Amino acid sequence: MNCKTKGEILSNLLKKHSLSQRKLAQMLKEAGYDRKEDAISKYIRGERQLSIDMIEKIAKVLNENVCIFFDENKTQSLTLKIERKINCGIVPSSEILDEDLIFISSNETKFSLKALRANGNNMSPLIEDNDIIIYDSDENTKIVHGDLVVYKFYEEEACKIFINKPHINIIELKAIQNNENFKTTAIKTDDKQIIKHLKLYKVVKIYKNLQNNQVALKLVKED
């Protein structure tokens, strides 16, 4: 099954609400989000990537769930065991879940895929408490700026957004919603004694908890 691009989804939403690109730009401006019609046109044509922040804003003014921007995979599913909980805003519990399983689509049966249960809401709305996080445990899987990652750094273990700042030799692991208990972690990439303690794993899919939304979110990298 071919996944729709964010631009195609946005175009379909405009048709659904009988809105022009100019009208959406006006609605965003009235809501305090200044976004030109030209930018919206570029989103639709695929010439500009929709950030998570802009997806949230567009969904809000259209009174749509943010999850509508992510394709639900309806292919045949297989079973994957959920290993443990992962910190997404609450102190990590790392408890083992004996009989907790998730069904994943059959075209994602990579041996290195693993599942975790989100513990906390600081990655909301993309990840909410009790959502299931599917990540690739292969450390050789390419991770780029803007990807969601599961990471372990010394005793710290969590799921955040990977931010690369090569011009200052820093990578940051950021939450969507920062607070004093779930802060950005900054790591110097030119310090070999520090960087050797960091392990990063790419998140490839989020399955929403039934109490949140009955949608599987397939993550697509945004620049």
N, C-alpha and C. Protein backbone atom coordinates (compact mmCIF):
# COMPACT_ATOMS: atom_id res chain seq x y z
N MET A 1 0.84 -1.19 0.00
CA MET A 1 0.00 0.00 0.00
C MET A 1 0.88 1.24 0.00
N ASN A 2 0.61 2.21 -0.90
CA ASN A 2 1.38 3.43 -0.97
C ASN A 2 0.82 4.45 0.01
N CYS A 3 1.69 4.98 0.86
CA CYS A 3 1.26 5.98 1.84
C CYS A 3 1.14 7.33 1.15
N LYS A 4 0.13 8.08 1.53
CA LYS A 4 -0.03 9.43 1.00
C LYS A 4 1.00 10.35 1.64
N THR A 5 1.42 11.34 0.87
CA THR A 5 2.32 12.34 1.43
C THR A 5 1.51 13.29 2.31
N LYS A 6 2.21 14.04 3.16
CA LYS A 6 1.53 15.02 3.99
C LYS A 6 0.82 16.06 3.12
N GLY A 7 1.46 16.42 1.99
CA GLY A 7 0.85 17.39 1.09
C GLY A 7 -0.45 16.88 0.49
N GLU A 8 -0.48 15.60 0.12
CA GLU A 8 -1.70 15.01 -0.43
C GLU A 8 -2.81 14.98 0.62
N ILE A 9 -2.43 14.66 1.85
CA ILE A 9 -3.41 14.64 2.94
C ILE A 9 -3.96 16.04 3.18
N LEU A 10 -3.08 17.04 3.17
CA LEU A 10 -3.52 18.42 3.35
C LEU A 10 -4.45 18.84 2.22
N SER A 11 -4.11 18.49 0.99
CA SER A 11 -4.95 18.81 -0.16
C SER A 11 -6.34 18.20 -0.01
N ASN A 12 -6.39 16.94 0.44
CA ASN A 12 -7.68 16.27 0.64
C ASN A 12 -8.49 16.93 1.75
N LEU A 13 -7.79 17.41 2.78
CA LEU A 13 -8.49 18.09 3.88
C LEU A 13 -9.11 19.41 3.40
N LEU A 14 -8.40 20.12 2.54
CA LEU A 14 -8.95 21.36 1.99
C LEU A 14 -10.19 21.07 1.16
N LYS A 15 -10.16 20.00 0.38
CA LYS A 15 -11.34 19.61 -0.40
C LYS A 15 -12.49 19.22 0.52
N LYS A 16 -12.16 18.47 1.56
CA LYS A 16 -13.18 18.02 2.52
C LYS A 16 -13.90 19.21 3.16
N HIS A 17 -13.15 20.26 3.48
CA HIS A 17 -13.72 21.43 4.15
C HIS A 17 -14.10 22.54 3.16
N SER A 18 -13.97 22.25 1.86
CA SER A 18 -14.29 23.23 0.80
C SER A 18 -13.53 24.55 1.02
N LEU A 19 -12.24 24.42 1.27
CA LEU A 19 -11.40 25.58 1.54
C LEU A 19 -10.35 25.76 0.45
N SER A 20 -10.02 27.00 0.17
CA SER A 20 -8.90 27.30 -0.72
C SER A 20 -7.63 27.41 0.13
N GLN A 21 -6.49 27.40 -0.54
CA GLN A 21 -5.23 27.58 0.17
C GLN A 21 -5.19 28.96 0.83
N ARG A 22 -5.74 29.95 0.14
CA ARG A 22 -5.77 31.32 0.69
C ARG A 22 -6.62 31.38 1.95
N LYS A 23 -7.76 30.68 1.93
CA LYS A 23 -8.64 30.68 3.10
C LYS A 23 -7.97 30.01 4.30
N LEU A 24 -7.25 28.90 4.05
CA LEU A 24 -6.55 28.23 5.15
C LEU A 24 -5.49 29.16 5.74
N ALA A 25 -4.76 29.86 4.87
CA ALA A 25 -3.75 30.81 5.34
C ALA A 25 -4.39 31.89 6.21
N GLN A 26 -5.58 32.35 5.79
CA GLN A 26 -6.31 33.36 6.56
C GLN A 26 -6.74 32.81 7.92
N MET A 27 -7.25 31.57 7.93
CA MET A 27 -7.68 30.94 9.18
C MET A 27 -6.51 30.77 10.14
N LEU A 28 -5.36 30.39 9.60
CA LEU A 28 -4.17 30.24 10.44
C LEU A 28 -3.74 31.58 11.03
N LYS A 29 -3.81 32.62 10.20
CA LYS A 29 -3.42 33.96 10.67
C LYS A 29 -4.35 34.44 11.77
N GLU A 30 -5.66 34.21 11.58
CA GLU A 30 -6.65 34.63 12.59
C GLU A 30 -6.46 33.89 13.90
N ALA A 31 -5.91 32.66 13.81
CA ALA A 31 -5.66 31.86 15.02
C ALA A 31 -4.30 32.18 15.64
N GLY A 32 -3.58 33.13 15.03
CA GLY A 32 -2.29 33.53 15.57
C GLY A 32 -1.11 32.79 14.98
N TYR A 33 -1.34 32.04 13.88
CA TYR A 33 -0.26 31.29 13.23
C TYR A 33 -0.03 31.89 11.85
N ASP A 34 0.98 32.71 11.71
CA ASP A 34 1.22 33.39 10.45
C ASP A 34 1.85 32.44 9.44
N ARG A 35 1.10 32.06 8.43
CA ARG A 35 1.60 31.16 7.39
C ARG A 35 1.04 31.63 6.06
N LYS A 36 1.91 31.97 5.12
CA LYS A 36 1.50 32.51 3.83
C LYS A 36 0.86 31.44 2.94
N GLU A 37 0.05 31.91 2.01
CA GLU A 37 -0.58 31.01 1.04
C GLU A 37 0.48 30.27 0.23
N ASP A 38 1.58 30.95 -0.09
CA ASP A 38 2.64 30.32 -0.87
C ASP A 38 3.25 29.13 -0.13
N ALA A 39 3.39 29.24 1.19
CA ALA A 39 3.94 28.14 1.98
C ALA A 39 3.01 26.94 1.95
N ILE A 40 1.71 27.20 2.05
CA ILE A 40 0.72 26.11 2.00
C ILE A 40 0.76 25.42 0.65
N SER A 41 0.90 26.22 -0.41
CA SER A 41 1.00 25.65 -1.75
C SER A 41 2.23 24.75 -1.88
N LYS A 42 3.34 25.15 -1.27
CA LYS A 42 4.56 24.35 -1.32
C LYS A 42 4.41 23.06 -0.50
N TYR A 43 3.67 23.12 0.61
CA TYR A 43 3.38 21.91 1.38
C TYR A 43 2.66 20.90 0.50
N ILE A 44 1.66 21.38 -0.21
CA ILE A 44 0.83 20.50 -1.03
C ILE A 44 1.62 19.92 -2.20
N ARG A 45 2.49 20.72 -2.80
CA ARG A 45 3.29 20.25 -3.94
C ARG A 45 4.48 19.40 -3.50
N GLY A 46 4.75 19.35 -2.20
CA GLY A 46 5.88 18.57 -1.71
C GLY A 46 7.20 19.30 -1.79
N GLU A 47 7.16 20.61 -2.01
CA GLU A 47 8.39 21.39 -2.11
C GLU A 47 8.86 21.88 -0.74
N ARG A 48 8.02 21.71 0.24
CA ARG A 48 8.35 22.11 1.61
C ARG A 48 7.74 21.10 2.56
N GLN A 49 8.52 20.67 3.57
CA GLN A 49 8.05 19.64 4.49
C GLN A 49 7.24 20.24 5.63
N LEU A 50 6.13 19.58 5.96
CA LEU A 50 5.30 19.99 7.09
C LEU A 50 5.94 19.53 8.39
N SER A 51 6.23 20.45 9.27
CA SER A 51 6.78 20.09 10.58
C SER A 51 5.66 19.59 11.48
N ILE A 52 6.03 18.92 12.56
CA ILE A 52 5.03 18.45 13.53
C ILE A 52 4.26 19.64 14.08
N ASP A 53 4.96 20.74 14.35
CA ASP A 53 4.32 21.93 14.90
C ASP A 53 3.26 22.48 13.96
N MET A 54 3.56 22.55 12.65
CA MET A 54 2.59 23.08 11.70
C MET A 54 1.43 22.11 11.49
N ILE A 55 1.71 20.81 11.54
CA ILE A 55 0.63 19.83 11.45
C ILE A 55 -0.37 20.04 12.58
N GLU A 56 0.14 20.26 13.79
CA GLU A 56 -0.73 20.51 14.95
C GLU A 56 -1.59 21.75 14.71
N LYS A 57 -0.99 22.83 14.20
CA LYS A 57 -1.71 24.08 14.00
C LYS A 57 -2.80 23.94 12.94
N ILE A 58 -2.47 23.28 11.83
CA ILE A 58 -3.46 23.09 10.78
C ILE A 58 -4.61 22.22 11.27
N ALA A 59 -4.28 21.14 11.97
CA ALA A 59 -5.32 20.26 12.51
C ALA A 59 -6.23 21.02 13.47
N LYS A 60 -5.64 21.92 14.25
CA LYS A 60 -6.43 22.68 15.23
C LYS A 60 -7.43 23.61 14.55
N VAL A 61 -6.98 24.36 13.54
CA VAL A 61 -7.90 25.31 12.89
C VAL A 61 -8.96 24.60 12.06
N LEU A 62 -8.66 23.39 11.60
CA LEU A 62 -9.64 22.62 10.83
C LEU A 62 -10.50 21.73 11.72
N ASN A 63 -10.23 21.77 13.03
CA ASN A 63 -10.95 20.93 13.99
C ASN A 63 -10.84 19.45 13.62
N GLU A 64 -9.63 19.05 13.26
CA GLU A 64 -9.34 17.67 12.90
C GLU A 64 -8.35 17.10 13.92
N ASN A 65 -8.35 15.78 14.05
CA ASN A 65 -7.35 15.13 14.89
C ASN A 65 -6.01 15.14 14.16
N VAL A 66 -4.93 15.44 14.89
CA VAL A 66 -3.61 15.48 14.28
C VAL A 66 -3.25 14.16 13.61
N CYS A 67 -3.84 13.07 14.10
CA CYS A 67 -3.52 11.74 13.57
C CYS A 67 -3.95 11.57 12.11
N ILE A 68 -4.82 12.46 11.62
CA ILE A 68 -5.29 12.33 10.24
C ILE A 68 -4.15 12.50 9.24
N PHE A 69 -3.05 13.12 9.69
CA PHE A 69 -1.91 13.34 8.80
C PHE A 69 -1.01 12.12 8.68
N PHE A 70 -1.36 11.05 9.35
CA PHE A 70 -0.54 9.85 9.32
C PHE A 70 -1.39 8.68 8.83
N ASP A 71 -0.87 7.97 7.85
CA ASP A 71 -1.62 6.88 7.24
C ASP A 71 -1.76 5.70 8.16
N GLU A 72 -2.95 5.12 8.17
CA GLU A 72 -3.16 3.88 8.91
C GLU A 72 -2.88 2.71 7.97
N ASN A 73 -2.03 1.82 8.40
CA ASN A 73 -1.68 0.65 7.60
C ASN A 73 -2.66 -0.47 7.89
N LYS A 74 -3.39 -0.90 6.87
CA LYS A 74 -4.44 -1.89 7.07
C LYS A 74 -4.06 -3.27 6.52
N THR A 75 -2.78 -3.48 6.31
CA THR A 75 -2.35 -4.76 5.78
C THR A 75 -2.39 -5.84 6.85
N GLN A 76 -2.21 -7.09 6.43
CA GLN A 76 -2.22 -8.22 7.34
C GLN A 76 -1.19 -8.02 8.45
N SER A 77 -1.53 -8.45 9.67
CA SER A 77 -0.67 -8.15 10.81
C SER A 77 -0.06 -9.39 11.44
N LEU A 78 1.09 -9.19 12.09
CA LEU A 78 1.78 -10.22 12.84
C LEU A 78 1.97 -9.72 14.27
N THR A 79 2.46 -10.59 15.14
CA THR A 79 2.55 -10.28 16.56
C THR A 79 3.97 -9.90 16.98
N LEU A 80 4.08 -8.86 17.79
CA LEU A 80 5.35 -8.42 18.34
C LEU A 80 5.17 -8.19 19.83
N LYS A 81 6.08 -8.73 20.64
CA LYS A 81 5.98 -8.58 22.09
C LYS A 81 6.44 -7.19 22.52
N ILE A 82 5.69 -6.58 23.44
CA ILE A 82 6.07 -5.30 24.02
C ILE A 82 7.05 -5.57 25.15
N GLU A 83 8.25 -5.01 25.05
CA GLU A 83 9.33 -5.32 26.00
C GLU A 83 9.13 -4.69 27.37
N ARG A 84 8.86 -3.39 27.40
CA ARG A 84 8.80 -2.67 28.67
C ARG A 84 8.22 -1.29 28.40
N LYS A 85 8.15 -0.48 29.46
CA LYS A 85 7.74 0.91 29.30
C LYS A 85 8.96 1.78 29.04
N ILE A 86 8.73 2.90 28.32
CA ILE A 86 9.82 3.83 28.01
C ILE A 86 9.39 5.23 28.43
N ASN A 87 10.32 5.98 28.99
CA ASN A 87 10.02 7.32 29.50
C ASN A 87 9.62 8.28 28.39
N CYS A 88 8.43 8.85 28.51
CA CYS A 88 7.97 9.90 27.60
C CYS A 88 7.46 11.08 28.41
N GLY A 89 8.01 11.28 29.59
CA GLY A 89 7.61 12.40 30.42
C GLY A 89 7.50 12.06 31.89
N ILE A 90 7.47 10.78 32.23
CA ILE A 90 7.41 10.34 33.62
C ILE A 90 8.69 9.57 33.90
N VAL A 91 9.11 9.50 35.15
CA VAL A 91 10.33 8.77 35.51
C VAL A 91 10.23 7.34 34.99
N PRO A 92 11.25 6.85 34.28
CA PRO A 92 11.17 5.52 33.67
C PRO A 92 10.93 4.43 34.70
N SER A 93 10.08 3.49 34.33
CA SER A 93 9.83 2.36 35.22
C SER A 93 10.60 1.13 34.78
N SER A 94 10.81 1.00 33.46
CA SER A 94 11.52 -0.14 32.87
C SER A 94 10.98 -1.48 33.35
N GLU A 95 9.70 -1.52 33.68
CA GLU A 95 9.13 -2.79 34.13
C GLU A 95 8.91 -3.71 32.93
N ILE A 96 9.10 -5.00 33.14
CA ILE A 96 8.91 -5.99 32.09
C ILE A 96 7.43 -6.35 32.00
N LEU A 97 6.90 -6.40 30.79
CA LEU A 97 5.50 -6.75 30.58
C LEU A 97 5.44 -8.18 30.06
N ASP A 98 4.93 -9.10 30.88
CA ASP A 98 5.03 -10.52 30.58
C ASP A 98 4.24 -10.95 29.34
N GLU A 99 2.98 -10.55 29.26
CA GLU A 99 2.12 -11.07 28.19
C GLU A 99 1.49 -9.94 27.38
N ASP A 100 2.23 -8.90 27.12
CA ASP A 100 1.70 -7.76 26.38
C ASP A 100 2.18 -7.84 24.94
N LEU A 101 1.24 -7.89 24.00
CA LEU A 101 1.58 -8.08 22.59
C LEU A 101 0.97 -6.97 21.75
N ILE A 102 1.57 -6.71 20.58
CA ILE A 102 1.03 -5.77 19.61
C ILE A 102 1.05 -6.44 18.25
N PHE A 103 0.02 -6.19 17.44
CA PHE A 103 -0.01 -6.71 16.08
C PHE A 103 0.54 -5.66 15.14
N ILE A 104 1.51 -6.04 14.31
CA ILE A 104 2.09 -5.11 13.35
C ILE A 104 1.87 -5.63 11.95
N SER A 105 1.93 -4.74 10.97
CA SER A 105 1.65 -5.13 9.59
C SER A 105 2.73 -6.05 9.05
N SER A 106 2.33 -6.94 8.16
CA SER A 106 3.23 -7.98 7.68
C SER A 106 4.34 -7.45 6.80
N ASN A 107 4.22 -6.22 6.30
CA ASN A 107 5.31 -5.68 5.48
C ASN A 107 6.35 -4.97 6.33
N GLU A 108 6.26 -5.10 7.65
CA GLU A 108 7.23 -4.48 8.55
C GLU A 108 7.89 -5.52 9.43
N THR A 109 8.01 -6.73 8.93
CA THR A 109 8.53 -7.83 9.75
C THR A 109 10.05 -7.88 9.73
N LYS A 110 10.67 -6.76 9.95
CA LYS A 110 12.11 -6.69 10.08
C LYS A 110 12.48 -7.31 11.42
N PHE A 111 13.47 -8.19 11.44
CA PHE A 111 13.82 -8.88 12.67
C PHE A 111 14.25 -7.93 13.78
N SER A 112 14.73 -6.75 13.41
CA SER A 112 15.25 -5.83 14.42
C SER A 112 14.18 -4.92 15.03
N LEU A 113 12.92 -5.04 14.59
CA LEU A 113 11.86 -4.20 15.16
C LEU A 113 11.50 -4.67 16.56
N LYS A 114 11.33 -3.72 17.47
CA LYS A 114 10.93 -4.01 18.84
C LYS A 114 9.86 -3.02 19.28
N ALA A 115 9.14 -3.37 20.35
CA ALA A 115 8.02 -2.55 20.81
C ALA A 115 8.19 -2.13 22.26
N LEU A 116 7.79 -0.90 22.55
CA LEU A 116 7.80 -0.35 23.91
C LEU A 116 6.46 0.34 24.17
N ARG A 117 6.10 0.46 25.44
CA ARG A 117 4.89 1.20 25.79
C ARG A 117 5.27 2.57 26.36
N ALA A 118 4.65 3.63 25.82
CA ALA A 118 4.95 4.98 26.27
C ALA A 118 4.48 5.20 27.70
N ASN A 119 5.32 5.87 28.47
CA ASN A 119 5.01 6.18 29.87
C ASN A 119 5.13 7.69 30.06
N GLY A 120 4.02 8.41 29.87
CA GLY A 120 4.05 9.86 30.00
C GLY A 120 3.48 10.58 28.80
N ASN A 121 3.24 11.89 28.94
CA ASN A 121 2.56 12.66 27.92
C ASN A 121 3.36 13.83 27.37
N ASN A 122 4.66 13.90 27.64
CA ASN A 122 5.43 15.03 27.17
C ASN A 122 5.82 14.95 25.70
N MET A 123 5.44 13.86 25.03
CA MET A 123 5.62 13.76 23.58
C MET A 123 4.28 13.90 22.86
N SER A 124 3.26 14.32 23.60
CA SER A 124 1.92 14.53 23.05
C SER A 124 1.93 15.72 22.09
N PRO A 125 1.15 15.70 21.00
CA PRO A 125 0.13 14.71 20.67
C PRO A 125 0.64 13.52 19.86
N LEU A 126 1.91 13.54 19.47
CA LEU A 126 2.41 12.45 18.64
C LEU A 126 2.46 11.13 19.40
N ILE A 127 2.95 11.19 20.64
CA ILE A 127 2.97 10.01 21.50
C ILE A 127 2.30 10.38 22.81
N GLU A 128 1.33 9.56 23.22
CA GLU A 128 0.63 9.78 24.48
C GLU A 128 0.81 8.58 25.39
N ASP A 129 0.49 8.78 26.66
CA ASP A 129 0.66 7.72 27.65
C ASP A 129 -0.01 6.43 27.20
N ASN A 130 0.72 5.33 27.25
CA ASN A 130 0.26 3.98 26.90
C ASN A 130 0.21 3.69 25.40
N ASP A 131 0.61 4.65 24.55
CA ASP A 131 0.77 4.33 23.13
C ASP A 131 1.90 3.32 22.98
N ILE A 132 1.92 2.61 21.86
CA ILE A 132 2.97 1.64 21.58
C ILE A 132 3.97 2.22 20.59
N ILE A 133 5.24 2.18 20.95
CA ILE A 133 6.32 2.70 20.12
C ILE A 133 7.05 1.54 19.46
N ILE A 134 7.08 1.52 18.14
CA ILE A 134 7.84 0.51 17.40
C ILE A 134 9.15 1.15 16.95
N TYR A 135 10.26 0.53 17.35
CA TYR A 135 11.56 1.09 16.98
C TYR A 135 12.46 0.01 16.38
N ASP A 136 13.45 0.46 15.64
CA ASP A 136 14.40 -0.44 15.00
C ASP A 136 15.63 -0.57 15.90
N SER A 137 15.85 -1.76 16.44
CA SER A 137 16.96 -1.97 17.38
C SER A 137 18.32 -2.12 16.69
N ASP A 138 18.33 -2.06 15.37
CA ASP A 138 19.58 -2.11 14.62
C ASP A 138 20.28 -0.75 14.73
N GLU A 139 21.42 -0.71 15.40
CA GLU A 139 22.13 0.55 15.61
C GLU A 139 22.69 1.13 14.32
N ASN A 140 22.72 0.35 13.25
CA ASN A 140 23.22 0.84 11.97
C ASN A 140 22.14 1.52 11.14
N THR A 141 20.88 1.46 11.58
CA THR A 141 19.81 2.14 10.87
C THR A 141 20.04 3.65 10.92
N LYS A 142 19.98 4.29 9.77
CA LYS A 142 20.30 5.72 9.68
C LYS A 142 19.30 6.57 10.45
N ILE A 143 19.81 7.47 11.26
CA ILE A 143 19.00 8.43 12.01
C ILE A 143 19.42 9.83 11.56
N VAL A 144 18.44 10.66 11.23
CA VAL A 144 18.74 12.00 10.74
C VAL A 144 17.98 13.04 11.58
N HIS A 145 18.37 14.28 11.40
CA HIS A 145 17.77 15.41 12.12
C HIS A 145 16.25 15.38 12.02
N GLY A 146 15.57 15.45 13.16
CA GLY A 146 14.11 15.48 13.18
C GLY A 146 13.46 14.14 13.43
N ASP A 147 14.24 13.06 13.41
CA ASP A 147 13.67 11.73 13.67
C ASP A 147 13.29 11.57 15.14
N LEU A 148 12.25 10.77 15.37
CA LEU A 148 11.96 10.32 16.72
C LEU A 148 12.88 9.16 17.03
N VAL A 149 13.43 9.14 18.24
CA VAL A 149 14.35 8.07 18.61
C VAL A 149 14.05 7.56 20.02
N VAL A 150 14.37 6.30 20.23
CA VAL A 150 14.51 5.73 21.57
C VAL A 150 16.01 5.76 21.85
N TYR A 151 16.40 6.19 23.04
CA TYR A 151 17.83 6.27 23.32
C TYR A 151 18.15 5.83 24.75
N LYS A 152 19.40 5.45 24.93
CA LYS A 152 19.95 5.17 26.26
C LYS A 152 21.25 5.93 26.39
N PHE A 153 21.36 6.75 27.44
CA PHE A 153 22.56 7.56 27.68
C PHE A 153 22.89 7.45 29.16
N TYR A 154 23.96 6.70 29.45
CA TYR A 154 24.25 6.32 30.84
C TYR A 154 23.00 5.63 31.39
N GLU A 155 22.41 6.15 32.48
CA GLU A 155 21.22 5.53 33.06
C GLU A 155 19.92 6.14 32.53
N GLU A 156 20.05 7.16 31.69
CA GLU A 156 18.87 7.83 31.14
C GLU A 156 18.35 7.06 29.94
N GLU A 157 17.05 6.81 29.91
CA GLU A 157 16.43 6.09 28.81
C GLU A 157 15.08 6.72 28.52
N ALA A 158 14.84 7.11 27.26
CA ALA A 158 13.61 7.82 26.93
C ALA A 158 13.37 7.80 25.43
N CYS A 159 12.26 8.41 25.04
CA CYS A 159 11.92 8.59 23.62
C CYS A 159 11.75 10.09 23.39
N LYS A 160 12.57 10.65 22.48
CA LYS A 160 12.52 12.09 22.20
C LYS A 160 12.82 12.33 20.71
N ILE A 161 12.96 13.59 20.35
CA ILE A 161 13.27 13.98 18.98
C ILE A 161 14.77 14.23 18.85
N PHE A 162 15.37 13.67 17.80
CA PHE A 162 16.81 13.81 17.56
C PHE A 162 17.06 15.11 16.80
N ILE A 163 17.85 15.99 17.40
CA ILE A 163 18.22 17.27 16.78
C ILE A 163 19.73 17.30 16.59
N ASN A 164 20.16 17.46 15.35
CA ASN A 164 21.59 17.44 15.04
C ASN A 164 22.09 18.86 14.78
N LYS A 165 23.14 19.26 15.50
CA LYS A 165 23.76 20.58 15.33
C LYS A 165 25.25 20.39 15.06
N PRO A 166 25.60 19.90 13.86
CA PRO A 166 27.00 19.57 13.57
C PRO A 166 27.93 20.77 13.60
N HIS A 167 27.40 21.97 13.37
CA HIS A 167 28.26 23.16 13.35
C HIS A 167 28.83 23.49 14.73
N ILE A 168 28.20 22.96 15.79
CA ILE A 168 28.72 23.18 17.15
C ILE A 168 29.01 21.85 17.86
N ASN A 169 29.02 20.76 17.07
CA ASN A 169 29.34 19.42 17.60
C ASN A 169 28.42 19.02 18.76
N ILE A 170 27.13 19.27 18.57
CA ILE A 170 26.15 18.95 19.60
C ILE A 170 24.97 18.20 18.97
N ILE A 171 24.47 17.19 19.67
CA ILE A 171 23.16 16.65 19.33
C ILE A 171 22.27 16.86 20.54
N GLU A 172 21.01 17.12 20.28
CA GLU A 172 20.03 17.30 21.34
C GLU A 172 18.94 16.25 21.23
N LEU A 173 18.45 15.80 22.36
CA LEU A 173 17.33 14.88 22.42
C LEU A 173 16.20 15.64 23.10
N LYS A 174 15.20 16.05 22.31
CA LYS A 174 14.20 17.01 22.77
C LYS A 174 12.82 16.39 22.88
N ALA A 175 12.07 16.88 23.86
CA ALA A 175 10.66 16.52 24.01
C ALA A 175 9.81 17.53 23.24
N ILE A 176 8.59 17.12 22.87
CA ILE A 176 7.67 18.07 22.24
C ILE A 176 7.24 19.10 23.27
N GLN A 177 7.02 18.64 24.51
CA GLN A 177 6.64 19.54 25.61
C GLN A 177 7.68 19.38 26.72
N ASN A 178 8.50 20.40 26.90
CA ASN A 178 9.54 20.35 27.93
C ASN A 178 9.00 20.78 29.29
N ASN A 179 9.46 20.12 30.33
CA ASN A 179 9.22 20.59 31.69
C ASN A 179 10.42 20.21 32.55
N GLU A 180 10.38 20.55 33.83
CA GLU A 180 11.57 20.35 34.67
C GLU A 180 11.92 18.88 34.87
N ASN A 181 10.95 17.99 34.64
CA ASN A 181 11.20 16.57 34.81
C ASN A 181 11.53 15.85 33.51
N PHE A 182 11.40 16.54 32.39
CA PHE A 182 11.63 15.91 31.09
C PHE A 182 12.26 16.96 30.18
N LYS A 183 13.55 17.15 30.32
CA LYS A 183 14.25 18.24 29.65
C LYS A 183 15.04 17.75 28.44
N THR A 184 15.44 18.72 27.63
CA THR A 184 16.33 18.43 26.52
C THR A 184 17.67 17.94 27.04
N THR A 185 18.17 16.87 26.43
CA THR A 185 19.50 16.34 26.76
C THR A 185 20.46 16.75 25.65
N ALA A 186 21.49 17.50 25.99
CA ALA A 186 22.50 17.94 25.01
C ALA A 186 23.76 17.10 25.20
N ILE A 187 24.30 16.62 24.08
CA ILE A 187 25.47 15.73 24.13
C ILE A 187 26.53 16.22 23.14
N LYS A 188 27.76 16.35 23.60
CA LYS A 188 28.86 16.76 22.73
C LYS A 188 29.34 15.57 21.90
N THR A 189 29.29 15.73 20.59
CA THR A 189 29.66 14.63 19.71
C THR A 189 31.16 14.49 19.53
N ASP A 190 31.93 15.50 19.92
CA ASP A 190 33.38 15.43 19.75
C ASP A 190 34.10 14.92 21.00
N ASP A 191 33.33 14.50 22.01
CA ASP A 191 33.90 13.92 23.22
C ASP A 191 33.68 12.41 23.18
N LYS A 192 34.70 11.66 22.79
CA LYS A 192 34.56 10.22 22.61
C LYS A 192 34.23 9.50 23.90
N GLN A 193 34.69 10.01 25.03
CA GLN A 193 34.42 9.36 26.31
C GLN A 193 32.95 9.49 26.70
N ILE A 194 32.29 10.54 26.21
CA ILE A 194 30.86 10.73 26.49
C ILE A 194 30.01 10.02 25.45
N ILE A 195 30.33 10.22 24.18
CA ILE A 195 29.48 9.72 23.10
C ILE A 195 29.41 8.20 23.08
N LYS A 196 30.42 7.52 23.62
CA LYS A 196 30.40 6.05 23.63
C LYS A 196 29.30 5.50 24.53
N HIS A 197 28.77 6.34 25.41
CA HIS A 197 27.70 5.89 26.31
C HIS A 197 26.31 6.11 25.72
N LEU A 198 26.25 6.65 24.49
CA LEU A 198 24.96 6.94 23.86
C LEU A 198 24.59 5.85 22.85
N LYS A 199 23.39 5.35 22.97
CA LYS A 199 22.84 4.41 21.99
C LYS A 199 21.52 4.98 21.49
N LEU A 200 21.39 5.06 20.16
CA LEU A 200 20.21 5.65 19.51
C LEU A 200 19.52 4.62 18.63
N TYR A 201 18.18 4.63 18.66
CA TYR A 201 17.40 3.71 17.84
C TYR A 201 16.24 4.48 17.20
N LYS A 202 16.07 4.29 15.92
CA LYS A 202 15.05 5.04 15.17
C LYS A 202 13.65 4.50 15.44
N VAL A 203 12.72 5.40 15.76
CA VAL A 203 11.30 5.04 15.91
C VAL A 203 10.68 5.02 14.51
N VAL A 204 9.97 3.93 14.19
CA VAL A 204 9.40 3.80 12.85
C VAL A 204 7.88 3.88 12.84
N LYS A 205 7.24 3.64 13.98
CA LYS A 205 5.78 3.70 14.00
C LYS A 205 5.27 3.87 15.42
N ILE A 206 4.13 4.56 15.54
CA ILE A 206 3.44 4.70 16.81
C ILE A 206 2.04 4.12 16.66
N TYR A 207 1.69 3.21 17.55
CA TYR A 207 0.32 2.70 17.60
C TYR A 207 -0.39 3.37 18.77
N LYS A 208 -1.48 4.09 18.46
CA LYS A 208 -2.19 4.82 19.48
C LYS A 208 -2.99 3.89 20.39
N ASN A 209 -2.96 4.18 21.69
CA ASN A 209 -3.78 3.45 22.64
C ASN A 209 -5.25 3.71 22.33
N LEU A 210 -6.11 2.71 22.54
CA LEU A 210 -7.53 2.84 22.22
C LEU A 210 -8.17 4.02 22.94
N GLN A 211 -7.68 4.35 24.12
CA GLN A 211 -8.26 5.47 24.86
C GLN A 211 -7.77 6.81 24.32
N ASN A 212 -6.72 6.78 23.51
CA ASN A 212 -6.24 8.01 22.88
C ASN A 212 -6.88 8.14 21.50
N ASN A 213 -6.41 7.36 20.54
CA ASN A 213 -6.98 7.34 19.20
C ASN A 213 -6.73 5.98 18.58
N GLN A 214 -7.71 5.45 17.86
CA GLN A 214 -7.54 4.13 17.26
C GLN A 214 -6.88 4.28 15.89
N VAL A 215 -5.65 4.74 15.92
CA VAL A 215 -4.92 5.02 14.68
C VAL A 215 -3.48 4.59 14.85
N ALA A 216 -2.90 4.02 13.80
CA ALA A 216 -1.47 3.72 13.79
C ALA A 216 -0.76 4.84 13.06
N LEU A 217 0.21 5.47 13.70
CA LEU A 217 0.92 6.58 13.08
C LEU A 217 2.21 6.09 12.45
N LYS A 218 2.33 6.25 11.16
CA LYS A 218 3.58 5.90 10.49
C LYS A 218 4.41 7.17 10.36
N LEU A 219 5.61 7.15 10.92
CA LEU A 219 6.42 8.34 10.98
C LEU A 219 7.16 8.57 9.67
N VAL A 220 7.08 9.79 9.18
CA VAL A 220 7.79 10.18 7.99
C VAL A 220 8.67 11.35 8.36
N LYS A 221 9.93 11.27 8.02
CA LYS A 221 10.87 12.32 8.43
C LYS A 221 10.48 13.67 7.84
N GLU A 222 10.53 14.69 8.69
CA GLU A 222 10.28 16.06 8.25
C GLU A 222 11.56 16.86 8.40
N ASP A 223 11.90 17.63 7.38
CA ASP A 223 13.09 18.48 7.45
C ASP A 223 12.75 19.75 8.21
